[in-house]
Every structure is written in structure tokens, then in C-alpha cells.
Amino acid sequence: MEDRYETLALDRPADQVLRIALNRPQAANAFNTQMMRDLLAAFAALGADPQACRAVVLTGSGDRAFCAGADLKERNTMDDRQWMAQHLIIEQMIRAVIACPMPVIAAVNGAAYAGGCELALGCDFIYAAKGARFALTEVTLGIMPGAGGTQTLARAVGERRAKEIVLTGRPFTAEEGFAWGAVNRLCEPGTVVDEALATAAAIAGNAPVSVRQAKKAIHAGLQMSLADGMDFEVEAYNRTVPTADRREGIGAFNEKRKPSFKGE
């Protein structure tokens, strides 16, 4: 994949760990059309190349915002056709984030509003700085969440809580998100990215095929009955049996050494 995008800053702070930072701090990292295109391109590239890395941390540049949602100054100039054409990009982008084969951790360093909240919820889990705020404010603007928010939030916090959040448009704190199950870990200000990177590095040290198959089984299984999900899990498990990493993992355990996984 490319390492250069107009609105994103990419780096590799640890072996097999990719950090993607939304890089429009002057606009609270709000999505303009270019950022939507850049995110779609980056995550489509990851989806096409499982060897590109083993874990991803997604965050915002600066210390004020993760992402303020869509850039409403840009949208103010759009007619209905242009609006819907732009929205198609963000629809494809969030699907690419959710479908990313390697785990994606959102490191929410500040405000995550509207589409920014939906982007965080589209990741596999969220670490948030204490004091960060989340909101799905779309109904206050005459629209509604359209990048998965009504689906991912309800799966994280339950139907009744999600209805209250979405239908009022009221913000909620990182602390509330943690209590409700939307946020996995609360971090001291200034530490959220480092903590997310440490977890990403731990994931990256595990067998890549195993991690990808386990992620797939959890996500797909939640859309099925328990019996069907267990059948899906066995199919995902069987994919790990003939791998060199399975043999390496068992061999390393018996030889009392750290395994060296190759993703094969």
C-alpha cells in the first residue's frame, strides 16, 4: 500500500504495526471528500494485502479531536446529487474499515462526533482519552447516521441506549462510553496512542492467520445463530491447522522459546 496520502499521516512505530492519523488538525480532522477517498484507498489496500501489517492504530492528529465528522463547510456548497455522491464514498470507506482483515484499534484522543464517532465504532475496539467526547449529532442537522452508526452503536451499547444517543444527538463522555461498553479502555490524556500501540504490538506478535481468522469468526458469528456461529468458527479454525505458524507455535511452546510467526 501507499505510505503517502494527502489527508492522512502513516507511519510504522513498531514491527508490523501501522499507525494511520487523520491529518486535518486545522479542521478538527473533519472528513472532506479527499479524506474520505484517502481512507477508502488505505483500507482497501489493507484488505487486498493481508501481509501489509498485522495490526492498525487509527487516531487523529493533534490533541483536540479524533474527528469532528463530515466537513460541513464543504457540504454547504453541495446540491443533493453531489451530497449523495460524496456519501457513497463514506459508505464504501466504513465498509472497508469494518472488513479490514487485520485488527484496527481506534485511539480516540479528543472529540469523535458524527462520522468521526461512526469511524471509531467501525474499528474493532476503542481506547479513549479521559475527557474525550463522542456524539452522533446527525438528527440535529436534518439527517441521520449513515456510516454504520445506527448498527455499530446498538451492537456496542444495546438498542435502548443507542436510541437515546441517536435520537437526542446528545454527546456522551469517554467515561460513559466505557461504562456502556462502547470504549474498551480509558487512558490518561496524552497516553491513548501509546497504549493503543502497545496493544497493537501484542496482537502483532501473535500468529497473523490465527488473529485474522479469530476476528472473522467473532464478527461473522454475531450475525448468526449460536449453532451456525459455532460451525463458522470450526471452519475458521481449520484454516489455521495446516499453517507453518501452527507448527511453529506448538514447537516453540514445547521448546520453551518465543515463537517466530511468519503469517504462513
C-alpha atoms as a PDB file:
ATOM      1  CA  MET A   1       0.000   0.000   0.000  1.00  0.00           C
ATOM      2  CA  GLU A   2       0.994   3.635  -0.369  1.00  0.00           C
ATOM      3  CA  ASP A   3       2.501   5.448   2.603  1.00  0.00           C
ATOM      4  CA  ARG A   4       1.569   8.925   1.334  1.00  0.00           C
ATOM      5  CA  TYR A   5      -1.941  10.366   1.348  1.00  0.00           C
ATOM      6  CA  GLU A   6      -2.986  13.987   1.173  1.00  0.00           C
ATOM      7  CA  THR A   7      -5.068  13.951   4.373  1.00  0.00           C
ATOM      8  CA  LEU A   8      -3.540  11.047   6.315  1.00  0.00           C
ATOM      9  CA  ALA A   9      -0.214  10.592   8.088  1.00  0.00           C
ATOM     10  CA  LEU A  10       1.055   6.999   8.076  1.00  0.00           C
ATOM     11  CA  ASP A  11       3.978   5.540   9.972  1.00  0.00           C
ATOM     12  CA  ARG A  12       5.131   2.221  11.404  1.00  0.00           C
ATOM     13  CA  PRO A  13       6.086   2.827  15.045  1.00  0.00           C
ATOM     14  CA  ALA A  14       6.573  -0.883  15.811  1.00  0.00           C
ATOM     15  CA  ASP A  15       7.249  -4.044  13.852  1.00  0.00           C
ATOM     16  CA  GLN A  16       4.161  -4.997  11.831  1.00  0.00           C
ATOM     17  CA  VAL A  17       2.111  -2.143  13.343  1.00  0.00           C
ATOM     18  CA  LEU A  18       0.701   0.585  11.105  1.00  0.00           C
ATOM     19  CA  ARG A  19      -0.468   3.916  12.551  1.00  0.00           C
ATOM     20  CA  ILE A  20      -2.899   5.993  10.487  1.00  0.00           C
ATOM     21  CA  ALA A  21      -3.557   9.541  11.706  1.00  0.00           C
ATOM     22  CA  LEU A  22      -6.360  11.678  10.308  1.00  0.00           C
ATOM     23  CA  ASN A  23      -4.348  14.740   9.391  1.00  0.00           C
ATOM     24  CA  ARG A  24      -6.511  17.855   9.137  1.00  0.00           C
ATOM     25  CA  PRO A  25      -5.958  19.259  12.639  1.00  0.00           C
ATOM     26  CA  GLN A  26      -6.845  22.778  11.494  1.00  0.00           C
ATOM     27  CA  ALA A  27     -10.373  21.450  10.791  1.00  0.00           C
ATOM     28  CA  ALA A  28     -10.613  19.148  13.844  1.00  0.00           C
ATOM     29  CA  ASN A  29      -9.746  16.300  11.456  1.00  0.00           C
ATOM     30  CA  ALA A  30     -13.161  16.597   9.813  1.00  0.00           C
ATOM     31  CA  PHE A  31     -13.787  14.489   6.725  1.00  0.00           C
ATOM     32  CA  ASN A  32     -13.618  16.350   3.477  1.00  0.00           C
ATOM     33  CA  THR A  33     -14.097  14.417   0.251  1.00  0.00           C
ATOM     34  CA  GLN A  34     -10.357  13.893  -0.099  1.00  0.00           C
ATOM     35  CA  MET A  35     -10.059  12.361   3.368  1.00  0.00           C
ATOM     36  CA  MET A  36     -12.938  10.022   2.602  1.00  0.00           C
ATOM     37  CA  ARG A  37     -11.171   8.955  -0.589  1.00  0.00           C
ATOM     38  CA  ASP A  38      -7.841   8.568   1.226  1.00  0.00           C
ATOM     39  CA  LEU A  39      -9.328   6.402   3.978  1.00  0.00           C
ATOM     40  CA  LEU A  40     -11.138   4.269   1.431  1.00  0.00           C
ATOM     41  CA  ALA A  41      -7.926   3.809  -0.562  1.00  0.00           C
ATOM     42  CA  ALA A  42      -5.839   2.990   2.520  1.00  0.00           C
ATOM     43  CA  PHE A  43      -8.236   0.414   3.941  1.00  0.00           C
ATOM     44  CA  ALA A  44      -8.993  -1.097   0.538  1.00  0.00           C
ATOM     45  CA  ALA A  45      -5.238  -1.583   0.122  1.00  0.00           C
ATOM     46  CA  LEU A  46      -5.029  -3.268   3.534  1.00  0.00           C
ATOM     47  CA  GLY A  47      -7.918  -5.520   2.607  1.00  0.00           C
ATOM     48  CA  ALA A  48      -6.136  -6.551  -0.573  1.00  0.00           C
ATOM     49  CA  ASP A  49      -2.811  -7.268   1.146  1.00  0.00           C
ATOM     50  CA  PRO A  50      -3.015  -9.103   4.488  1.00  0.00           C
ATOM     51  CA  GLN A  51       0.799  -9.065   4.635  1.00  0.00           C
ATOM     52  CA  ALA A  52       0.906  -5.251   4.741  1.00  0.00           C
ATOM     53  CA  CYS A  53       0.893  -5.253   8.559  1.00  0.00           C
ATOM     54  CA  ARG A  54      -0.557  -7.207  11.459  1.00  0.00           C
ATOM     55  CA  ALA A  55      -2.400  -4.502  13.410  1.00  0.00           C
ATOM     56  CA  VAL A  56      -3.566  -0.930  12.784  1.00  0.00           C
ATOM     57  CA  VAL A  57      -3.978   2.020  15.143  1.00  0.00           C
ATOM     58  CA  LEU A  58      -6.261   4.770  13.846  1.00  0.00           C
ATOM     59  CA  THR A  59      -6.096   8.167  15.552  1.00  0.00           C
ATOM     60  CA  GLY A  60      -6.365  11.902  14.939  1.00  0.00           C
ATOM     61  CA  SER A  61      -3.571  14.440  14.560  1.00  0.00           C
ATOM     62  CA  GLY A  62      -3.231  16.958  17.370  1.00  0.00           C
ATOM     63  CA  ASP A  63      -4.726  16.723  20.830  1.00  0.00           C
ATOM     64  CA  ARG A  64      -8.085  18.414  20.248  1.00  0.00           C
ATOM     65  CA  ALA A  65     -10.055  15.995  18.109  1.00  0.00           C
ATOM     66  CA  PHE A  66     -10.148  12.476  16.780  1.00  0.00           C
ATOM     67  CA  CYS A  67     -12.575  13.507  14.052  1.00  0.00           C
ATOM     68  CA  ALA A  68     -15.385  16.073  14.045  1.00  0.00           C
ATOM     69  CA  GLY A  69     -17.332  14.257  11.341  1.00  0.00           C
ATOM     70  CA  ALA A  70     -18.006  15.498   7.834  1.00  0.00           C
ATOM     71  CA  ASP A  71     -16.703  18.923   6.863  1.00  0.00           C
ATOM     72  CA  LEU A  72     -19.959  20.902   6.850  1.00  0.00           C
ATOM     73  CA  LYS A  73     -18.347  23.927   5.229  1.00  0.00           C
ATOM     74  CA  GLU A  74     -17.629  21.792   2.189  1.00  0.00           C
ATOM     75  CA  ARG A  75     -21.058  20.180   2.327  1.00  0.00           C
ATOM     76  CA  ASN A  76     -22.753  23.582   2.485  1.00  0.00           C
ATOM     77  CA  THR A  77     -21.839  24.083  -1.182  1.00  0.00           C
ATOM     78  CA  MET A  78     -23.321  20.753  -2.380  1.00  0.00           C
ATOM     79  CA  ASP A  79     -26.592  20.056  -4.122  1.00  0.00           C
ATOM     80  CA  ASP A  80     -28.481  16.828  -3.447  1.00  0.00           C
ATOM     81  CA  ARG A  81     -26.723  14.888  -6.200  1.00  0.00           C
ATOM     82  CA  GLN A  82     -23.269  15.953  -5.021  1.00  0.00           C
ATOM     83  CA  TRP A  83     -24.150  15.168  -1.404  1.00  0.00           C
ATOM     84  CA  MET A  84     -25.273  11.641  -2.242  1.00  0.00           C
ATOM     85  CA  ALA A  85     -22.253  11.053  -4.486  1.00  0.00           C
ATOM     86  CA  GLN A  86     -19.964  12.076  -1.628  1.00  0.00           C
ATOM     87  CA  HIS A  87     -21.872   9.925   0.818  1.00  0.00           C
ATOM     88  CA  LEU A  88     -21.322   6.881  -1.368  1.00  0.00           C
ATOM     89  CA  ILE A  89     -17.594   7.296  -0.719  1.00  0.00           C
ATOM     90  CA  ILE A  90     -18.012   7.277   3.056  1.00  0.00           C
ATOM     91  CA  GLU A  91     -20.348   4.272   2.818  1.00  0.00           C
ATOM     92  CA  GLN A  92     -17.654   2.353   0.958  1.00  0.00           C
ATOM     93  CA  MET A  93     -14.971   3.623   3.328  1.00  0.00           C
ATOM     94  CA  ILE A  94     -16.646   2.433   6.535  1.00  0.00           C
ATOM     95  CA  ARG A  95     -17.288  -0.962   4.967  1.00  0.00           C
ATOM     96  CA  ALA A  96     -13.584  -1.177   4.117  1.00  0.00           C
ATOM     97  CA  VAL A  97     -12.650  -0.327   7.724  1.00  0.00           C
ATOM     98  CA  ILE A  98     -15.016  -2.948   9.139  1.00  0.00           C
ATOM     99  CA  ALA A  99     -13.841  -5.547   6.605  1.00  0.00           C
ATOM    100  CA  CYS A 100     -10.127  -4.899   7.246  1.00  0.00           C
ATOM    101  CA  PRO A 101      -8.609  -8.375   7.822  1.00  0.00           C
ATOM    102  CA  MET A 102      -6.188  -7.204  10.500  1.00  0.00           C
ATOM    103  CA  PRO A 103      -7.396  -5.717  13.810  1.00  0.00           C
ATOM    104  CA  VAL A 104      -7.986  -1.956  13.874  1.00  0.00           C
ATOM    105  CA  ILE A 105      -7.814  -0.072  17.189  1.00  0.00           C
ATOM    106  CA  ALA A 106      -9.292   3.426  17.418  1.00  0.00           C
ATOM    107  CA  ALA A 107      -7.175   5.662  19.679  1.00  0.00           C
ATOM    108  CA  VAL A 108      -9.642   8.472  20.358  1.00  0.00           C
ATOM    109  CA  ASN A 109      -7.590  11.432  21.526  1.00  0.00           C
ATOM    110  CA  GLY A 110     -10.358  14.054  21.527  1.00  0.00           C
ATOM    111  CA  ALA A 111     -13.815  14.725  20.131  1.00  0.00           C
ATOM    112  CA  ALA A 112     -15.341  11.981  17.973  1.00  0.00           C
ATOM    113  CA  TYR A 113     -18.537  13.431  16.561  1.00  0.00           C
ATOM    114  CA  ALA A 114     -20.975  12.260  13.887  1.00  0.00           C
ATOM    115  CA  GLY A 115     -18.991  10.469  11.177  1.00  0.00           C
ATOM    116  CA  GLY A 116     -15.941  10.560  13.451  1.00  0.00           C
ATOM    117  CA  CYS A 117     -17.864   8.626  16.096  1.00  0.00           C
ATOM    118  CA  GLU A 118     -19.028   6.193  13.404  1.00  0.00           C
ATOM    119  CA  LEU A 119     -15.441   5.730  12.230  1.00  0.00           C
ATOM    120  CA  ALA A 120     -14.318   4.877  15.771  1.00  0.00           C
ATOM    121  CA  LEU A 121     -17.240   2.472  16.195  1.00  0.00           C
ATOM    122  CA  GLY A 122     -16.309   0.816  12.893  1.00  0.00           C
ATOM    123  CA  CYS A 123     -12.945  -0.191  14.363  1.00  0.00           C
ATOM    124  CA  ASP A 124     -12.575  -3.440  16.286  1.00  0.00           C
ATOM    125  CA  PHE A 125     -12.350  -1.646  19.612  1.00  0.00           C
ATOM    126  CA  ILE A 126     -11.759   1.801  21.081  1.00  0.00           C
ATOM    127  CA  TYR A 127      -9.222   3.216  23.523  1.00  0.00           C
ATOM    128  CA  ALA A 128     -10.195   6.740  24.582  1.00  0.00           C
ATOM    129  CA  ALA A 129      -8.512   9.529  26.481  1.00  0.00           C
ATOM    130  CA  LYS A 130     -10.271  10.552  29.662  1.00  0.00           C
ATOM    131  CA  GLY A 131     -12.314  13.622  28.833  1.00  0.00           C
ATOM    132  CA  ALA A 132     -12.827  12.693  25.177  1.00  0.00           C
ATOM    133  CA  ARG A 133     -16.390  13.117  23.974  1.00  0.00           C
ATOM    134  CA  PHE A 134     -18.495  11.208  21.478  1.00  0.00           C
ATOM    135  CA  ALA A 135     -21.739  12.088  19.738  1.00  0.00           C
ATOM    136  CA  LEU A 136     -23.962  11.149  16.843  1.00  0.00           C
ATOM    137  CA  THR A 137     -25.402  14.584  16.139  1.00  0.00           C
ATOM    138  CA  GLU A 138     -26.914  13.942  12.715  1.00  0.00           C
ATOM    139  CA  VAL A 139     -30.587  14.324  13.716  1.00  0.00           C
ATOM    140  CA  THR A 140     -29.831  17.862  14.906  1.00  0.00           C
ATOM    141  CA  LEU A 141     -28.785  18.646  11.311  1.00  0.00           C
ATOM    142  CA  GLY A 142     -31.759  17.153   9.486  1.00  0.00           C
ATOM    143  CA  ILE A 143     -30.083  13.871   8.562  1.00  0.00           C
ATOM    144  CA  MET A 144     -29.291  10.662  10.465  1.00  0.00           C
ATOM    145  CA  PRO A 145     -26.227   8.481  10.981  1.00  0.00           C
ATOM    146  CA  GLY A 146     -25.363   6.964   7.617  1.00  0.00           C
ATOM    147  CA  ALA A 147     -21.916   5.416   8.101  1.00  0.00           C
ATOM    148  CA  GLY A 148     -22.988   2.474  10.197  1.00  0.00           C
ATOM    149  CA  GLY A 149     -23.697   4.362  13.399  1.00  0.00           C
ATOM    150  CA  THR A 150     -27.203   3.023  13.992  1.00  0.00           C
ATOM    151  CA  GLN A 151     -25.820  -0.503  13.632  1.00  0.00           C
ATOM    152  CA  THR A 152     -22.409  -0.418  15.303  1.00  0.00           C
ATOM    153  CA  LEU A 153     -23.525   1.676  18.273  1.00  0.00           C
ATOM    154  CA  ALA A 154     -26.523  -0.558  19.001  1.00  0.00           C
ATOM    155  CA  ARG A 155     -24.266  -3.610  18.882  1.00  0.00           C
ATOM    156  CA  ALA A 156     -21.896  -1.949  21.342  1.00  0.00           C
ATOM    157  CA  VAL A 157     -24.289  -0.428  23.896  1.00  0.00           C
ATOM    158  CA  GLY A 158     -27.650  -2.104  23.233  1.00  0.00           C
ATOM    159  CA  GLU A 159     -30.773  -0.974  21.422  1.00  0.00           C
ATOM    160  CA  ARG A 160     -32.303   1.222  24.099  1.00  0.00           C
ATOM    161  CA  ARG A 161     -29.133   3.147  24.902  1.00  0.00           C
ATOM    162  CA  ALA A 162     -28.386   3.585  21.194  1.00  0.00           C
ATOM    163  CA  LYS A 163     -31.848   5.022  20.568  1.00  0.00           C
ATOM    164  CA  GLU A 164     -31.368   7.584  23.322  1.00  0.00           C
ATOM    165  CA  ILE A 165     -27.960   8.632  21.977  1.00  0.00           C
ATOM    166  CA  VAL A 166     -29.005   8.816  18.320  1.00  0.00           C
ATOM    167  CA  LEU A 167     -32.458  10.357  18.754  1.00  0.00           C
ATOM    168  CA  THR A 168     -31.316  13.127  21.116  1.00  0.00           C
ATOM    169  CA  GLY A 169     -27.993  13.850  19.413  1.00  0.00           C
ATOM    170  CA  ARG A 170     -26.533  14.499  22.869  1.00  0.00           C
ATOM    171  CA  PRO A 171     -22.797  13.943  23.451  1.00  0.00           C
ATOM    172  CA  PHE A 172     -21.545  11.311  25.857  1.00  0.00           C
ATOM    173  CA  THR A 173     -18.200  11.150  27.615  1.00  0.00           C
ATOM    174  CA  ALA A 174     -15.442   8.588  27.248  1.00  0.00           C
ATOM    175  CA  GLU A 175     -16.233   7.549  30.812  1.00  0.00           C
ATOM    176  CA  GLU A 176     -19.876   6.921  29.918  1.00  0.00           C
ATOM    177  CA  GLY A 177     -18.811   5.074  26.772  1.00  0.00           C
ATOM    178  CA  PHE A 178     -16.593   2.846  28.908  1.00  0.00           C
ATOM    179  CA  ALA A 179     -19.412   2.108  31.356  1.00  0.00           C
ATOM    180  CA  TRP A 180     -21.785   1.277  28.481  1.00  0.00           C
ATOM    181  CA  GLY A 181     -19.350  -0.980  26.614  1.00  0.00           C
ATOM    182  CA  ALA A 182     -18.524   1.247  23.639  1.00  0.00           C
ATOM    183  CA  VAL A 183     -14.993   2.009  24.892  1.00  0.00           C
ATOM    184  CA  ASN A 184     -12.574  -0.747  25.923  1.00  0.00           C
ATOM    185  CA  ARG A 185     -10.066   1.313  27.890  1.00  0.00           C
ATOM    186  CA  LEU A 186      -9.831   4.781  29.418  1.00  0.00           C
ATOM    187  CA  CYS A 187      -6.386   6.369  29.153  1.00  0.00           C
ATOM    188  CA  GLU A 188      -4.796   9.373  30.759  1.00  0.00           C
ATOM    189  CA  PRO A 189      -4.563  12.361  28.408  1.00  0.00           C
ATOM    190  CA  GLY A 190      -1.524  12.086  26.178  1.00  0.00           C
ATOM    191  CA  THR A 191      -1.192   8.316  26.605  1.00  0.00           C
ATOM    192  CA  VAL A 192      -4.014   6.911  24.491  1.00  0.00           C
ATOM    193  CA  VAL A 193      -1.973   6.405  21.333  1.00  0.00           C
ATOM    194  CA  ASP A 194       0.897   4.775  23.218  1.00  0.00           C
ATOM    195  CA  GLU A 195      -1.484   2.405  24.976  1.00  0.00           C
ATOM    196  CA  ALA A 196      -3.186   1.514  21.704  1.00  0.00           C
ATOM    197  CA  LEU A 197       0.202   0.939  20.063  1.00  0.00           C
ATOM    198  CA  ALA A 198       1.257  -1.347  22.916  1.00  0.00           C
ATOM    199  CA  THR A 199      -1.859  -3.453  22.424  1.00  0.00           C
ATOM    200  CA  ALA A 200      -1.354  -3.435  18.650  1.00  0.00           C
ATOM    201  CA  ALA A 201       2.211  -4.670  19.176  1.00  0.00           C
ATOM    202  CA  ALA A 202       0.928  -7.503  21.393  1.00  0.00           C
ATOM    203  CA  ILE A 203      -1.541  -8.503  18.676  1.00  0.00           C
ATOM    204  CA  ALA A 204       1.162  -8.233  16.008  1.00  0.00           C
ATOM    205  CA  GLY A 205       3.299 -10.689  17.971  1.00  0.00           C
ATOM    206  CA  ASN A 206       0.666 -13.403  17.624  1.00  0.00           C
ATOM    207  CA  ALA A 207       0.131 -15.680  14.637  1.00  0.00           C
ATOM    208  CA  PRO A 208      -1.322 -13.471  11.873  1.00  0.00           C
ATOM    209  CA  VAL A 209      -3.554 -16.094  10.254  1.00  0.00           C
ATOM    210  CA  SER A 210      -4.911 -17.044  13.690  1.00  0.00           C
ATOM    211  CA  VAL A 211      -5.663 -13.411  14.531  1.00  0.00           C
ATOM    212  CA  ARG A 212      -7.399 -12.769  11.211  1.00  0.00           C
ATOM    213  CA  GLN A 213      -9.474 -15.942  11.448  1.00  0.00           C
ATOM    214  CA  ALA A 214     -10.469 -15.250  15.061  1.00  0.00           C
ATOM    215  CA  LYS A 215     -11.523 -11.702  14.187  1.00  0.00           C
ATOM    216  CA  LYS A 216     -13.577 -13.006  11.273  1.00  0.00           C
ATOM    217  CA  ALA A 217     -15.251 -15.661  13.420  1.00  0.00           C
ATOM    218  CA  ILE A 218     -16.243 -13.190  16.156  1.00  0.00           C
ATOM    219  CA  HIS A 219     -17.647 -10.643  13.703  1.00  0.00           C
ATOM    220  CA  ALA A 220     -19.465 -13.061  11.410  1.00  0.00           C
ATOM    221  CA  GLY A 221     -20.693 -15.249  14.240  1.00  0.00           C
ATOM    222  CA  LEU A 222     -22.580 -12.378  15.846  1.00  0.00           C
ATOM    223  CA  GLN A 223     -24.720 -12.180  12.711  1.00  0.00           C
ATOM    224  CA  MET A 224     -25.711 -15.875  13.028  1.00  0.00           C
ATOM    225  CA  SER A 225     -27.456 -18.251  15.387  1.00  0.00           C
ATOM    226  CA  LEU A 226     -25.213 -19.821  18.023  1.00  0.00           C
ATOM    227  CA  ALA A 227     -25.192 -23.152  16.179  1.00  0.00           C
ATOM    228  CA  ASP A 228     -24.301 -21.550  12.838  1.00  0.00           C
ATOM    229  CA  GLY A 229     -21.678 -19.382  14.520  1.00  0.00           C
ATOM    230  CA  MET A 230     -20.037 -22.431  16.069  1.00  0.00           C
ATOM    231  CA  ASP A 231     -19.960 -24.128  12.662  1.00  0.00           C
ATOM    232  CA  PHE A 232     -18.370 -20.999  11.189  1.00  0.00           C
ATOM    233  CA  GLU A 233     -15.820 -20.968  13.996  1.00  0.00           C
ATOM    234  CA  VAL A 234     -14.742 -24.539  13.194  1.00  0.00           C
ATOM    235  CA  GLU A 235     -14.269 -23.641   9.531  1.00  0.00           C
ATOM    236  CA  ALA A 236     -12.162 -20.634  10.571  1.00  0.00           C
ATOM    237  CA  TYR A 237     -10.203 -22.811  12.998  1.00  0.00           C
ATOM    238  CA  ASN A 238      -9.487 -25.438  10.345  1.00  0.00           C
ATOM    239  CA  ARG A 239      -7.823 -22.756   8.226  1.00  0.00           C
ATOM    240  CA  THR A 240      -5.118 -22.431  10.914  1.00  0.00           C
ATOM    241  CA  VAL A 241      -4.279 -26.149  11.181  1.00  0.00           C
ATOM    242  CA  PRO A 242      -2.161 -26.561   8.004  1.00  0.00           C
ATOM    243  CA  THR A 243      -0.161 -23.356   8.581  1.00  0.00           C
ATOM    244  CA  ALA A 244       3.547 -23.188   9.326  1.00  0.00           C
ATOM    245  CA  ASP A 245       2.678 -20.836  12.167  1.00  0.00           C
ATOM    246  CA  ARG A 246       0.621 -23.552  13.884  1.00  0.00           C
ATOM    247  CA  ARG A 247       3.599 -25.872  13.787  1.00  0.00           C
ATOM    248  CA  GLU A 248       5.909 -23.065  14.938  1.00  0.00           C
ATOM    249  CA  GLY A 249       3.623 -22.119  17.831  1.00  0.00           C
ATOM    250  CA  ILE A 250       3.338 -25.654  19.179  1.00  0.00           C
ATOM    251  CA  GLY A 251       7.048 -26.289  18.635  1.00  0.00           C
ATOM    252  CA  ALA A 252       8.033 -23.085  20.425  1.00  0.00           C
ATOM    253  CA  PHE A 253       5.797 -23.926  23.387  1.00  0.00           C
ATOM    254  CA  ASN A 254       7.394 -27.337  23.792  1.00  0.00           C
ATOM    255  CA  GLU A 255      10.897 -25.937  23.321  1.00  0.00           C
ATOM    256  CA  LYS A 256      10.172 -23.151  25.845  1.00  0.00           C
ATOM    257  CA  ARG A 257      11.058 -20.331  23.457  1.00  0.00           C
ATOM    258  CA  LYS A 258       9.284 -17.367  21.913  1.00  0.00           C
ATOM    259  CA  PRO A 259       7.624 -18.275  18.600  1.00  0.00           C
ATOM    260  CA  SER A 260       8.576 -16.541  15.370  1.00  0.00           C
ATOM    261  CA  PHE A 261       5.417 -16.269  13.304  1.00  0.00           C
ATOM    262  CA  LYS A 262       5.619 -15.614   9.552  1.00  0.00           C
ATOM    263  CA  GLY A 263       1.960 -15.424   8.620  1.00  0.00           C
ATOM    264  CA  GLU A 264       2.202 -18.623   6.612  1.00  0.00           C
END
